[in-house]
Amino acid sequence: MKKRRLLLPATTLGLAAMLFGPANTSEGFSLIGDSLSLSQRDFRVYNNFSKAITNDNTTPDDNFPGWDGAEMAIWKACVEWNSELHGTGNGDPTQPGDLGSGGANFDASFQGAASGVGSSGNNIHSQVSGGSGGVLAYAEGGFSGAWRIRYYQTWDWQDGPTSPTLNEIDLQGVACHEYGHALGLGHSNVGGATMFPSISGSGAGQRSIAADDIAGIKAIYGSASSTKPRIFSTQLSGGLLTIQGEDFSGSNNQVWFTNQNTTSTGSNPFVKVTGVTSSGGGTQIVVNVPGNAGPGDVLVQKNSSSNSALSNAWPFDPSGNPPAPTITGLDPSSIPAVLEDVTTVTIEGNGLETVTDVRVGGASVPYTLTGAQALTVSLTTTSGIGSIPVEVDTLFGSGQTTLDVVANDPPGLVNNTPFIVPPQQANLTIGGKPGDTVFLATSLDQIPSVLAGVIASDIGANFSTITLVGAPTIGASGKATVLVNTGGLPAFSLIYFQAAAFDGTFPMTVSSVAQMIVF
């Protein structure tokens, strides 16, 4: 049986009684009764984690520029509560494309590294020595918009991005829970919620906030306003940053940056440019990047102090925009013209983590990011033999290569009408080498028919129940279409199809078997 570990002990919070008090009447979440003002949206990390496992993720991520290890893991944990996706939302393989799920008038500002653990009001994540039974970590402070989060040194904190193994504890998942307390949330009585008071296993499941957590943060800060400023993209040229978005004020905006310096615990770490005007009806801001701005996030506060005045957090690196992606390979590098099932192609390259769209043959296709240097796409059809473009768009440009589409050998067979009501015609696509004649046969029996040295079919019961229904010649595209009349077929029967290619030599090669149910 997996051990269950308490995330927050009653003895470590001044408001612990409220945290463990009754939940809201109609919800599982509970509220501390406090919230963070715009002056308390910062968080920092004092990286005193003593075990190598907590800082062994050194793979760069353009959604989280300039940081790795424990800082990156905690940064990811905090942005999960933000109003919308952080950049493309990628960076966590356990929730690809979904980092930033709060949907409330709340966004946090990552302010980099602190010089120490600080006090309970300095908004710093850090390790604390020793342990406390089954307790992993705790949030402390009288809150009122200030907090501190500590992680017990006794545990093996793993910094991701993959899920922990063995006895490791997921730093990102636990940090996401503890930061929820800093935002004003108590514990939830809904199992599976990030704010549930205990975890089973490593805690990686707490990385992604659940519906109850989202309801809780919206109860505190309100649902994200339609007039909340939003950043869509940034472009750096020299020291001048252009921010594209919407709903910026005409004047007196503030642009927030991440501090590049390690800041003292009691100081105000914010890097802000104030009195900034916008153009284009509140859609563009151009600002000089301050000398102490470092890699992290950029946010815009419009001319207001309400919760809805602060924009989403957008990844920013003052050293310049990352280069456009490059594609170094495809696996497989070629696919048949007729795909008998969903075909997965892995795209390998660099700078793929901020992917926004993948197109194959000009059409957008489903994709899954599997790491900073790989993503997979699912293909169900092709236009025919030839080379087709594969294009990957990211926040910072596009990369392109080509995928070879080759003739099916042996022939391919796809039934486009697997369920049919006569007299509707069955529609089948056959793939093969251009110029080949392909014989399409049907049978009620999936019992082989074999003529030694000539053909070995999987249907027809030794040719006793097999019927030839078409003999097309494969065209230049590597495909042929056959329409089969279904009148007279018995109702509620299962019909089998198979194609055999003839190129003038024997034995003939055959396709896999396709099926059709008659109603």
Protein backbone atom coordinates (compact mmCIF):
# COMPACT_ATOMS: atom_id res chain seq x y z
CA MET A 1 0.00 0.00 0.00
CA LYS A 2 1.35 3.46 -0.92
CA LYS A 3 2.06 5.79 1.94
CA ARG A 4 -0.05 8.93 2.17
CA ARG A 5 1.87 12.00 3.15
CA LEU A 6 0.38 15.13 4.68
CA LEU A 7 1.30 18.23 2.78
CA LEU A 8 0.51 20.82 5.42
CA PRO A 9 0.68 20.20 9.21
CA ALA A 10 -1.64 22.08 11.57
CA THR A 11 1.31 23.23 13.69
CA THR A 12 3.02 25.26 10.97
CA LEU A 13 0.37 27.83 10.06
CA GLY A 14 -1.09 30.56 12.17
CA LEU A 15 -4.32 30.11 10.27
CA ALA A 16 -4.28 26.30 10.38
CA ALA A 17 -7.64 26.09 12.08
CA MET A 18 -9.21 27.94 9.18
CA LEU A 19 -7.44 25.74 6.68
CA PHE A 20 -8.91 22.63 8.24
CA GLY A 21 -12.30 24.21 8.84
CA PRO A 22 -15.52 23.48 6.95
CA ALA A 23 -15.45 23.65 3.17
CA ASN A 24 -17.75 25.92 1.24
CA THR A 25 -21.32 24.70 1.20
CA SER A 26 -21.43 23.67 -2.46
CA GLU A 27 -17.74 23.20 -3.21
CA GLY A 28 -14.90 21.00 -2.06
CA PHE A 29 -12.40 23.87 -1.76
CA SER A 30 -11.97 26.01 1.33
CA LEU A 31 -10.67 29.55 1.69
CA ILE A 32 -8.25 31.07 4.18
CA GLY A 33 -10.02 34.41 3.84
CA ASP A 34 -7.10 36.30 2.26
CA SER A 35 -5.65 37.06 -1.16
CA LEU A 36 -2.53 38.50 -2.77
CA SER A 37 -2.59 42.11 -3.87
CA LEU A 38 -0.77 43.25 -7.01
CA SER A 39 2.16 44.27 -4.80
CA GLN A 40 2.51 40.64 -3.62
CA ARG A 41 2.42 38.76 -6.94
CA ASP A 42 6.15 38.02 -6.81
CA PHE A 43 7.79 34.72 -5.89
CA ARG A 44 11.48 33.82 -5.58
CA VAL A 45 13.55 30.71 -4.93
CA TYR A 46 16.47 30.29 -2.57
CA ASN A 47 18.03 27.19 -4.06
CA ASN A 48 19.54 25.57 -0.98
CA PHE A 49 18.24 22.11 -1.94
CA SER A 50 21.03 19.82 -0.84
CA LYS A 51 20.52 16.71 -3.00
CA ALA A 52 21.80 16.45 -6.56
CA ILE A 53 18.49 14.99 -7.75
CA THR A 54 16.78 18.33 -7.10
CA ASN A 55 18.94 20.16 -9.64
CA ASP A 56 19.78 17.58 -12.28
CA ASN A 57 17.37 18.88 -14.94
CA THR A 58 19.68 21.05 -17.01
CA THR A 59 17.72 20.88 -20.28
CA PRO A 60 16.82 24.41 -21.48
CA ASP A 61 13.15 25.22 -22.11
CA ASP A 62 12.15 28.28 -24.12
CA ASN A 63 8.92 28.54 -22.13
CA PHE A 64 11.09 28.94 -19.00
CA PRO A 65 14.20 30.72 -20.30
CA GLY A 66 17.42 31.00 -18.37
CA TRP A 67 16.62 28.68 -15.47
CA ASP A 68 16.82 24.98 -14.67
CA GLY A 69 16.69 22.57 -11.74
CA ALA A 70 14.67 23.51 -8.67
CA GLU A 71 14.01 27.07 -9.86
CA MET A 72 12.43 25.88 -13.08
CA ALA A 73 10.32 23.23 -11.29
CA ILE A 74 8.96 25.79 -8.81
CA TRP A 75 8.41 28.35 -11.59
CA LYS A 76 6.29 25.78 -13.45
CA ALA A 77 4.36 25.03 -10.26
CA CYS A 78 3.41 28.65 -9.71
CA VAL A 79 2.41 29.47 -13.30
CA GLU A 80 -0.08 26.57 -13.25
CA TRP A 81 -2.36 28.90 -11.22
CA ASN A 82 -2.08 31.73 -13.77
CA SER A 83 -4.98 33.09 -15.81
CA GLU A 84 -4.00 31.35 -19.05
CA LEU A 85 -1.33 29.23 -20.72
CA HIS A 86 2.24 30.22 -19.97
CA GLY A 87 3.60 30.81 -23.49
CA THR A 88 2.45 27.73 -25.37
CA GLY A 89 1.61 25.89 -22.14
CA ASN A 90 4.37 23.33 -22.80
CA GLY A 91 7.16 22.36 -20.46
CA ASP A 92 5.50 19.59 -18.45
CA PRO A 93 5.17 16.20 -20.20
CA THR A 94 2.47 15.16 -17.72
CA GLN A 95 0.19 17.94 -19.03
CA PRO A 96 1.46 18.91 -22.50
CA GLY A 97 0.19 22.26 -23.71
CA ASP A 98 -1.70 22.90 -20.48
CA LEU A 99 0.56 24.77 -18.02
CA GLY A 100 -1.48 27.74 -16.85
CA SER A 101 -5.00 26.60 -16.01
CA GLY A 102 -6.37 28.98 -13.34
CA GLY A 103 -8.67 31.06 -15.51
CA ALA A 104 -8.93 33.72 -12.79
CA ASN A 105 -7.79 37.33 -12.43
CA PHE A 106 -4.49 36.09 -11.10
CA ASP A 107 -0.97 35.94 -12.53
CA ALA A 108 2.31 35.51 -10.69
CA SER A 109 5.61 37.24 -11.40
CA PHE A 110 8.73 35.07 -11.17
CA GLN A 111 11.44 37.25 -9.62
CA GLY A 112 14.35 34.83 -9.79
CA ALA A 113 16.74 33.98 -6.98
CA ALA A 114 16.78 35.19 -3.38
CA SER A 115 19.90 35.39 -1.20
CA GLY A 116 18.42 33.40 1.68
CA VAL A 117 15.33 31.79 3.17
CA GLY A 118 14.01 35.13 4.42
CA SER A 119 11.14 35.57 6.81
CA SER A 120 7.54 34.47 6.60
CA GLY A 121 6.60 37.52 4.54
CA ASN A 122 9.28 37.45 1.83
CA ASN A 123 7.52 35.17 -0.69
CA ILE A 124 10.46 32.74 -1.02
CA HIS A 125 10.57 28.98 -1.65
CA SER A 126 13.46 27.13 0.05
CA GLN A 127 14.54 23.94 1.79
CA VAL A 128 14.39 23.54 5.57
CA SER A 129 16.61 21.05 7.37
CA GLY A 130 15.36 17.84 8.94
CA GLY A 131 11.88 16.41 8.66
CA SER A 132 8.59 16.17 10.47
CA GLY A 133 7.21 12.65 10.24
CA GLY A 134 5.18 12.27 7.05
CA VAL A 135 5.07 16.01 6.34
CA LEU A 136 6.63 17.06 3.03
CA ALA A 137 6.43 20.84 3.06
CA TYR A 138 4.53 23.74 4.56
CA ALA A 139 3.47 27.29 3.86
CA GLU A 140 3.81 29.78 6.66
CA GLY A 141 3.04 33.38 7.48
CA GLY A 142 0.13 35.45 8.66
CA PHE A 143 -0.51 35.84 4.94
CA SER A 144 -2.21 39.24 4.46
CA GLY A 145 -0.52 39.04 1.09
CA ALA A 146 2.83 37.62 2.25
CA TRP A 147 4.12 34.09 2.76
CA ARG A 148 7.07 31.69 2.79
CA ILE A 149 7.19 28.03 1.67
CA ARG A 150 9.64 25.44 3.08
CA TYR A 151 10.43 21.92 1.86
CA TYR A 152 11.82 19.39 4.34
CA GLN A 153 15.36 18.30 3.48
CA THR A 154 14.77 14.66 4.43
CA TRP A 155 12.82 13.94 1.22
CA ASP A 156 14.34 13.17 -2.20
CA TRP A 157 12.97 16.15 -4.14
CA GLN A 158 12.94 15.50 -7.88
CA ASP A 159 12.95 18.51 -10.25
CA GLY A 160 11.32 16.86 -13.30
CA PRO A 161 10.23 17.30 -15.96
CA THR A 162 9.50 13.55 -16.08
CA SER A 163 7.60 11.99 -13.19
CA PRO A 164 9.60 10.77 -10.16
CA THR A 165 10.48 7.14 -9.60
CA LEU A 166 10.98 4.95 -6.54
CA ASN A 167 10.92 7.07 -3.36
CA GLU A 168 11.40 10.44 -5.05
CA ILE A 169 8.97 13.28 -4.35
CA ASP A 170 7.85 15.64 -7.08
CA LEU A 171 8.97 19.18 -6.27
CA GLN A 172 6.72 20.77 -8.89
CA GLY A 173 3.58 19.02 -7.67
CA VAL A 174 4.15 19.79 -3.99
CA ALA A 175 5.12 23.39 -4.78
CA CYS A 176 1.89 23.78 -6.76
CA HIS A 177 -0.10 22.69 -3.69
CA GLU A 178 1.79 24.93 -1.28
CA TYR A 179 1.55 27.95 -3.56
CA GLY A 180 -2.20 27.41 -3.58
CA HIS A 181 -2.15 28.16 0.15
CA ALA A 182 -0.17 31.35 -0.51
CA LEU A 183 -2.89 32.44 -2.93
CA GLY A 184 -5.54 32.07 -0.24
CA LEU A 185 -6.78 28.50 -0.61
CA GLY A 186 -7.21 26.03 2.21
CA HIS A 187 -7.55 22.31 1.74
CA SER A 188 -10.10 20.65 -0.51
CA ASN A 189 -12.14 17.57 0.34
CA VAL A 190 -12.19 16.52 -3.34
CA GLY A 191 -9.86 13.61 -4.01
CA GLY A 192 -7.58 14.29 -6.96
CA ALA A 193 -7.61 18.07 -6.42
CA THR A 194 -4.20 19.71 -6.06
CA MET A 195 -5.38 21.19 -2.74
CA PHE A 196 -6.39 17.81 -1.28
CA PRO A 197 -4.42 17.58 1.99
CA SER A 198 -2.44 14.43 1.15
CA ILE A 199 -0.91 12.65 -1.81
CA SER A 200 -0.53 9.05 -2.86
CA GLY A 201 2.79 8.29 -4.46
CA SER A 202 5.21 10.96 -5.66
CA GLY A 203 2.91 13.98 -5.90
CA ALA A 204 3.31 14.45 -9.66
CA GLY A 205 -0.48 14.39 -9.95
CA GLN A 206 -0.61 17.70 -8.06
CA ARG A 207 1.18 19.51 -10.91
CA SER A 208 -2.09 20.06 -12.78
CA ILE A 209 -4.83 21.87 -10.89
CA ALA A 210 -8.28 20.27 -11.02
CA ALA A 211 -11.75 21.74 -11.53
CA ASP A 212 -12.22 22.24 -7.79
CA ASP A 213 -8.92 24.11 -7.51
CA ILE A 214 -9.94 26.33 -10.43
CA ALA A 215 -13.28 27.06 -8.77
CA GLY A 216 -11.40 28.00 -5.62
CA ILE A 217 -9.02 30.50 -7.20
CA LYS A 218 -11.90 32.04 -9.15
CA ALA A 219 -13.81 32.42 -5.88
CA ILE A 220 -10.90 34.52 -4.55
CA TYR A 221 -9.86 36.58 -7.58
CA GLY A 222 -12.87 36.31 -9.89
CA SER A 223 -12.99 34.74 -13.33
CA ALA A 224 -10.55 36.28 -15.79
CA SER A 225 -12.12 39.51 -17.02
CA SER A 226 -12.70 40.08 -20.73
CA THR A 227 -10.94 43.44 -20.26
CA LYS A 228 -7.88 41.94 -18.56
CA PRO A 229 -4.74 42.89 -20.55
CA ARG A 230 -3.23 40.04 -22.54
CA ILE A 231 0.17 39.50 -24.12
CA PHE A 232 0.17 37.56 -27.41
CA SER A 233 3.82 37.85 -28.43
CA THR A 234 7.04 39.80 -27.89
CA GLN A 235 9.86 40.84 -30.18
CA LEU A 236 13.26 42.06 -29.03
CA SER A 237 15.42 44.28 -31.22
CA GLY A 238 18.56 45.53 -29.54
CA GLY A 239 17.39 46.76 -26.14
CA LEU A 240 13.88 47.60 -27.35
CA LEU A 241 11.04 45.21 -26.55
CA THR A 242 7.81 45.27 -28.54
CA ILE A 243 4.85 43.66 -26.78
CA GLN A 244 1.79 42.73 -28.85
CA GLY A 245 -1.51 42.10 -27.08
CA GLU A 246 -4.79 43.74 -26.19
CA ASP A 247 -6.52 45.88 -23.55
CA PHE A 248 -3.43 47.84 -22.50
CA SER A 249 -4.17 51.32 -21.15
CA GLY A 250 -3.38 54.27 -23.39
CA SER A 251 -0.95 55.59 -20.76
CA ASN A 252 0.51 54.81 -17.34
CA ASN A 253 1.03 51.11 -17.97
CA GLN A 254 3.68 49.24 -16.02
CA VAL A 255 5.86 46.57 -17.61
CA TRP A 256 7.19 43.97 -15.16
CA PHE A 257 10.37 41.97 -15.72
CA THR A 258 12.16 39.21 -13.83
CA ASN A 259 15.10 40.46 -11.79
CA GLN A 260 18.38 39.07 -13.13
CA ASN A 261 20.15 39.64 -9.80
CA THR A 262 20.08 37.51 -6.68
CA THR A 263 18.08 39.81 -4.41
CA SER A 264 18.29 40.18 -0.65
CA THR A 265 15.47 38.58 1.28
CA GLY A 266 13.88 41.71 2.66
CA SER A 267 14.09 43.79 -0.52
CA ASN A 268 11.44 44.51 -3.12
CA PRO A 269 12.64 42.36 -6.04
CA PHE A 270 10.32 43.78 -8.72
CA VAL A 271 11.81 45.22 -11.90
CA LYS A 272 9.21 47.59 -13.33
CA VAL A 273 9.10 50.24 -16.02
CA THR A 274 6.33 52.71 -15.19
CA GLY A 275 4.45 55.39 -17.11
CA VAL A 276 4.46 53.39 -20.34
CA THR A 277 2.13 54.35 -23.20
CA SER A 278 0.55 51.98 -25.71
CA SER A 279 -0.39 52.36 -29.37
CA GLY A 280 -2.75 50.71 -31.80
CA GLY A 281 -5.75 51.11 -29.53
CA GLY A 282 -4.06 49.37 -26.61
CA THR A 283 -2.57 46.53 -28.66
CA GLN A 284 1.15 47.40 -28.67
CA ILE A 285 3.73 48.55 -26.14
CA VAL A 286 7.35 49.42 -26.97
CA VAL A 287 9.70 49.71 -24.00
CA ASN A 288 13.42 49.83 -23.28
CA VAL A 289 14.50 46.73 -21.36
CA PRO A 290 16.00 47.71 -17.98
CA GLY A 291 19.62 46.74 -17.31
CA ASN A 292 18.65 44.56 -14.35
CA ALA A 293 15.98 42.63 -16.26
CA GLY A 294 16.89 38.97 -16.66
CA PRO A 295 15.45 35.85 -18.24
CA GLY A 296 12.01 34.97 -16.90
CA ASP A 297 8.66 36.60 -17.55
CA VAL A 298 7.28 39.89 -18.75
CA LEU A 299 3.84 41.14 -17.62
CA VAL A 300 1.89 44.34 -18.19
CA GLN A 301 -0.17 46.11 -15.52
CA LYS A 302 -2.65 48.52 -17.03
CA ASN A 303 -3.55 51.80 -15.33
CA SER A 304 -5.50 50.19 -12.49
CA SER A 305 -4.86 48.38 -9.21
CA SER A 306 -7.63 45.79 -9.49
CA ASN A 307 -6.97 42.06 -9.80
CA SER A 308 -7.97 42.27 -13.47
CA ALA A 309 -5.32 44.93 -14.19
CA LEU A 310 -2.40 42.49 -14.59
CA SER A 311 -1.75 40.60 -17.82
CA ASN A 312 -0.73 37.00 -18.32
CA ALA A 313 2.94 36.15 -17.75
CA TRP A 314 4.86 35.75 -21.01
CA PRO A 315 8.29 34.05 -21.34
CA PHE A 316 11.05 36.57 -22.01
CA ASP A 317 14.82 36.39 -22.47
CA PRO A 318 16.73 39.70 -22.72
CA SER A 319 19.56 37.96 -24.56
CA GLY A 320 17.24 37.76 -27.54
CA ASN A 321 14.43 35.65 -28.93
CA PRO A 322 15.35 31.97 -29.26
CA PRO A 323 16.14 30.91 -32.82
CA ALA A 324 13.54 29.40 -35.07
CA PRO A 325 13.22 25.61 -34.73
CA THR A 326 15.34 23.26 -36.79
CA ILE A 327 14.17 19.80 -37.82
CA THR A 328 16.98 17.24 -37.85
CA GLY A 329 15.10 14.07 -38.70
CA LEU A 330 11.86 12.12 -39.11
CA ASP A 331 11.17 8.62 -37.84
CA PRO A 332 10.06 6.95 -40.03
CA SER A 333 11.44 9.04 -42.89
CA SER A 334 8.91 7.60 -45.34
CA ILE A 335 5.32 6.33 -45.16
CA PRO A 336 3.11 4.41 -47.62
CA ALA A 337 0.59 6.25 -49.79
CA VAL A 338 -2.34 4.35 -48.25
CA LEU A 339 -2.31 4.28 -44.45
CA GLU A 340 -4.17 1.27 -43.12
CA ASP A 341 -4.17 2.65 -39.57
CA VAL A 342 -3.16 5.80 -37.70
CA THR A 343 0.54 6.31 -38.42
CA THR A 344 2.79 8.05 -35.89
CA VAL A 345 5.78 10.03 -37.12
CA THR A 346 8.36 11.44 -34.68
CA ILE A 347 9.82 14.83 -35.60
CA GLU A 348 13.27 15.37 -34.12
CA GLY A 349 14.93 18.76 -33.88
CA ASN A 350 15.86 21.74 -31.73
CA GLY A 351 13.78 24.55 -30.27
CA LEU A 352 10.50 22.62 -30.48
CA GLU A 353 9.25 23.29 -26.93
CA THR A 354 7.17 26.36 -27.87
CA VAL A 355 5.40 24.59 -30.76
CA THR A 356 2.10 26.20 -31.79
CA ASP A 357 1.21 24.29 -34.96
CA VAL A 358 2.38 21.33 -37.05
CA ARG A 359 1.39 20.94 -40.70
CA VAL A 360 1.95 17.93 -42.94
CA GLY A 361 1.19 18.49 -46.59
CA GLY A 362 -0.15 21.93 -45.70
CA ALA A 363 -2.79 20.61 -43.29
CA SER A 364 -2.59 20.98 -39.50
CA VAL A 365 -2.30 17.63 -37.72
CA PRO A 366 -2.56 16.55 -34.06
CA TYR A 367 0.79 16.59 -32.27
CA THR A 368 2.27 15.68 -28.90
CA LEU A 369 5.41 17.30 -27.55
CA THR A 370 7.60 14.54 -26.12
CA GLY A 371 10.54 16.70 -25.09
CA ALA A 372 12.49 19.80 -26.05
CA GLN A 373 13.90 17.92 -29.05
CA ALA A 374 11.04 15.72 -30.24
CA LEU A 375 7.32 15.70 -30.98
CA THR A 376 5.01 13.14 -32.55
CA VAL A 377 2.25 13.63 -35.10
CA SER A 378 -0.62 11.33 -36.03
CA LEU A 379 -1.40 10.84 -39.72
CA THR A 380 -4.47 9.12 -41.17
CA THR A 381 -4.20 9.88 -44.90
CA THR A 382 -1.84 11.18 -47.61
CA SER A 383 -2.28 12.89 -50.95
CA GLY A 384 -0.26 10.22 -52.74
CA ILE A 385 3.27 9.31 -53.79
CA GLY A 386 5.85 12.09 -53.58
CA SER A 387 7.51 14.37 -51.04
CA ILE A 388 5.29 16.48 -48.81
CA PRO A 389 6.32 19.39 -46.57
CA VAL A 390 6.44 19.00 -42.80
CA GLU A 391 6.31 22.39 -41.05
CA VAL A 392 6.63 23.20 -37.35
CA ASP A 393 5.63 26.65 -36.07
CA THR A 394 6.83 27.90 -32.68
CA LEU A 395 6.60 31.21 -30.89
CA PHE A 396 9.92 32.13 -32.50
CA GLY A 397 9.62 30.99 -36.11
CA SER A 398 9.15 27.95 -38.33
CA GLY A 399 11.18 24.89 -39.30
CA GLN A 400 10.57 22.70 -42.32
CA THR A 401 11.58 19.38 -43.86
CA THR A 402 9.97 16.85 -46.21
CA LEU A 403 8.39 13.45 -45.67
CA ASP A 404 8.60 10.86 -48.43
CA VAL A 405 5.37 9.08 -49.41
CA VAL A 406 6.09 5.81 -51.21
CA ALA A 407 4.07 3.07 -52.90
CA ASN A 408 2.50 0.37 -50.75
CA ASP A 409 4.39 -2.89 -51.20
CA PRO A 410 2.64 -5.22 -50.41
CA PRO A 411 -0.61 -3.46 -51.33
CA GLY A 412 -2.56 -1.52 -48.73
CA LEU A 413 -6.31 -1.72 -48.27
CA VAL A 414 -8.65 0.62 -46.40
CA ASN A 415 -12.42 0.21 -46.25
CA ASN A 416 -13.87 3.71 -45.97
CA THR A 417 -17.36 2.33 -45.14
CA PRO A 418 -16.87 -0.27 -42.36
CA PHE A 419 -20.58 -0.12 -41.49
CA ILE A 420 -23.05 -0.21 -44.36
CA VAL A 421 -26.76 -0.48 -45.12
CA PRO A 422 -27.48 -1.93 -48.60
CA PRO A 423 -27.84 -0.77 -51.31
CA GLN A 424 -25.22 1.78 -50.23
CA GLN A 425 -21.95 1.08 -52.01
CA ALA A 426 -18.82 0.08 -50.13
CA ASN A 427 -15.91 2.43 -50.81
CA LEU A 428 -12.39 0.98 -50.64
CA THR A 429 -8.99 2.55 -51.28
CA ILE A 430 -6.17 0.33 -52.51
CA GLY A 431 -2.52 1.30 -52.41
CA GLY A 432 0.18 -0.22 -54.60
CA LYS A 433 2.91 0.38 -57.15
CA PRO A 434 1.82 2.55 -60.10
CA GLY A 435 0.89 0.40 -63.10
CA ASP A 436 0.16 -2.74 -61.05
CA THR A 437 -3.17 -4.48 -61.48
CA VAL A 438 -4.79 -5.20 -58.12
CA PHE A 439 -7.50 -7.82 -57.73
CA LEU A 440 -10.01 -7.05 -54.97
CA ALA A 441 -11.93 -10.02 -53.59
CA THR A 442 -14.58 -10.46 -50.91
CA SER A 443 -15.81 -13.38 -48.82
CA LEU A 444 -17.94 -14.23 -45.80
CA ASP A 445 -15.19 -16.54 -44.56
CA GLN A 446 -11.85 -15.56 -43.05
CA ILE A 447 -10.44 -18.98 -43.93
CA PRO A 448 -7.34 -19.10 -46.17
CA SER A 449 -7.31 -19.81 -49.89
CA VAL A 450 -3.89 -21.00 -51.08
CA LEU A 451 -2.60 -21.81 -54.56
CA ALA A 452 1.04 -22.78 -54.09
CA GLY A 453 3.47 -20.47 -55.87
CA VAL A 454 0.65 -18.21 -57.08
CA ILE A 455 -1.24 -16.67 -54.15
CA ALA A 456 -1.88 -17.15 -50.44
CA SER A 457 -5.06 -15.32 -49.42
CA ASP A 458 -6.47 -15.06 -45.89
CA ILE A 459 -10.11 -15.32 -46.98
CA GLY A 460 -12.38 -17.48 -49.18
CA ALA A 461 -12.26 -20.98 -47.62
CA ASN A 462 -9.95 -22.45 -50.31
CA PHE A 463 -11.63 -20.31 -53.03
CA SER A 464 -15.08 -21.81 -52.34
CA THR A 465 -16.69 -18.56 -51.09
CA ILE A 466 -14.49 -15.90 -52.69
CA THR A 467 -15.82 -13.34 -55.18
CA LEU A 468 -13.82 -10.95 -57.37
CA VAL A 469 -15.36 -7.47 -57.13
CA GLY A 470 -12.80 -5.29 -58.91
CA ALA A 471 -9.44 -5.22 -60.71
CA PRO A 472 -8.22 -1.59 -60.93
CA THR A 473 -4.83 -0.43 -62.14
CA ILE A 474 -2.91 1.63 -59.60
CA GLY A 475 -2.46 5.21 -60.76
CA ALA A 476 0.49 7.58 -60.47
CA SER A 477 -0.61 8.62 -56.94
CA GLY A 478 -0.12 5.03 -55.73
CA LYS A 479 -3.83 4.70 -55.07
CA ALA A 480 -7.00 3.33 -56.66
CA THR A 481 -10.62 3.52 -55.52
CA VAL A 482 -13.12 0.69 -55.89
CA LEU A 483 -16.89 0.94 -55.31
CA VAL A 484 -18.59 -2.35 -54.45
CA ASN A 485 -22.32 -2.94 -54.76
CA THR A 486 -23.76 -4.47 -51.59
CA GLY A 487 -27.24 -5.43 -52.78
CA GLY A 488 -28.16 -9.01 -51.86
CA LEU A 489 -25.70 -9.29 -48.98
CA PRO A 490 -27.22 -10.95 -45.91
CA ALA A 491 -28.14 -8.60 -43.06
CA PHE A 492 -26.03 -8.60 -39.92
CA SER A 493 -23.14 -10.29 -41.69
CA LEU A 494 -19.41 -9.61 -41.50
CA ILE A 495 -17.79 -9.29 -44.92
CA TYR A 496 -14.05 -9.60 -45.52
CA PHE A 497 -12.01 -7.92 -48.29
CA GLN A 498 -8.48 -8.58 -49.49
CA ALA A 499 -6.45 -7.23 -52.41
CA ALA A 500 -3.73 -9.03 -54.40
CA ALA A 501 -1.24 -7.13 -56.57
CA PHE A 502 -0.05 -8.53 -59.92
CA ASP A 503 2.99 -7.02 -61.61
CA GLY A 504 3.55 -9.86 -64.07
CA THR A 505 5.34 -12.12 -61.62
CA PHE A 506 4.33 -14.73 -59.08
CA PRO A 507 3.60 -15.22 -56.29
CA MET A 508 1.16 -12.32 -55.98
CA THR A 509 1.46 -10.15 -52.86
CA VAL A 510 -1.66 -9.57 -50.79
CA SER A 511 -2.89 -6.80 -48.52
CA SER A 512 -4.11 -7.10 -44.97
CA VAL A 513 -7.78 -7.97 -44.50
CA ALA A 514 -10.41 -5.23 -44.28
CA GLN A 515 -13.85 -5.80 -42.79
CA MET A 516 -17.38 -4.49 -43.27
CA ILE A 517 -20.53 -5.06 -41.20
CA VAL A 518 -23.80 -5.19 -43.15
CA PHE A 519 -26.99 -3.97 -41.45
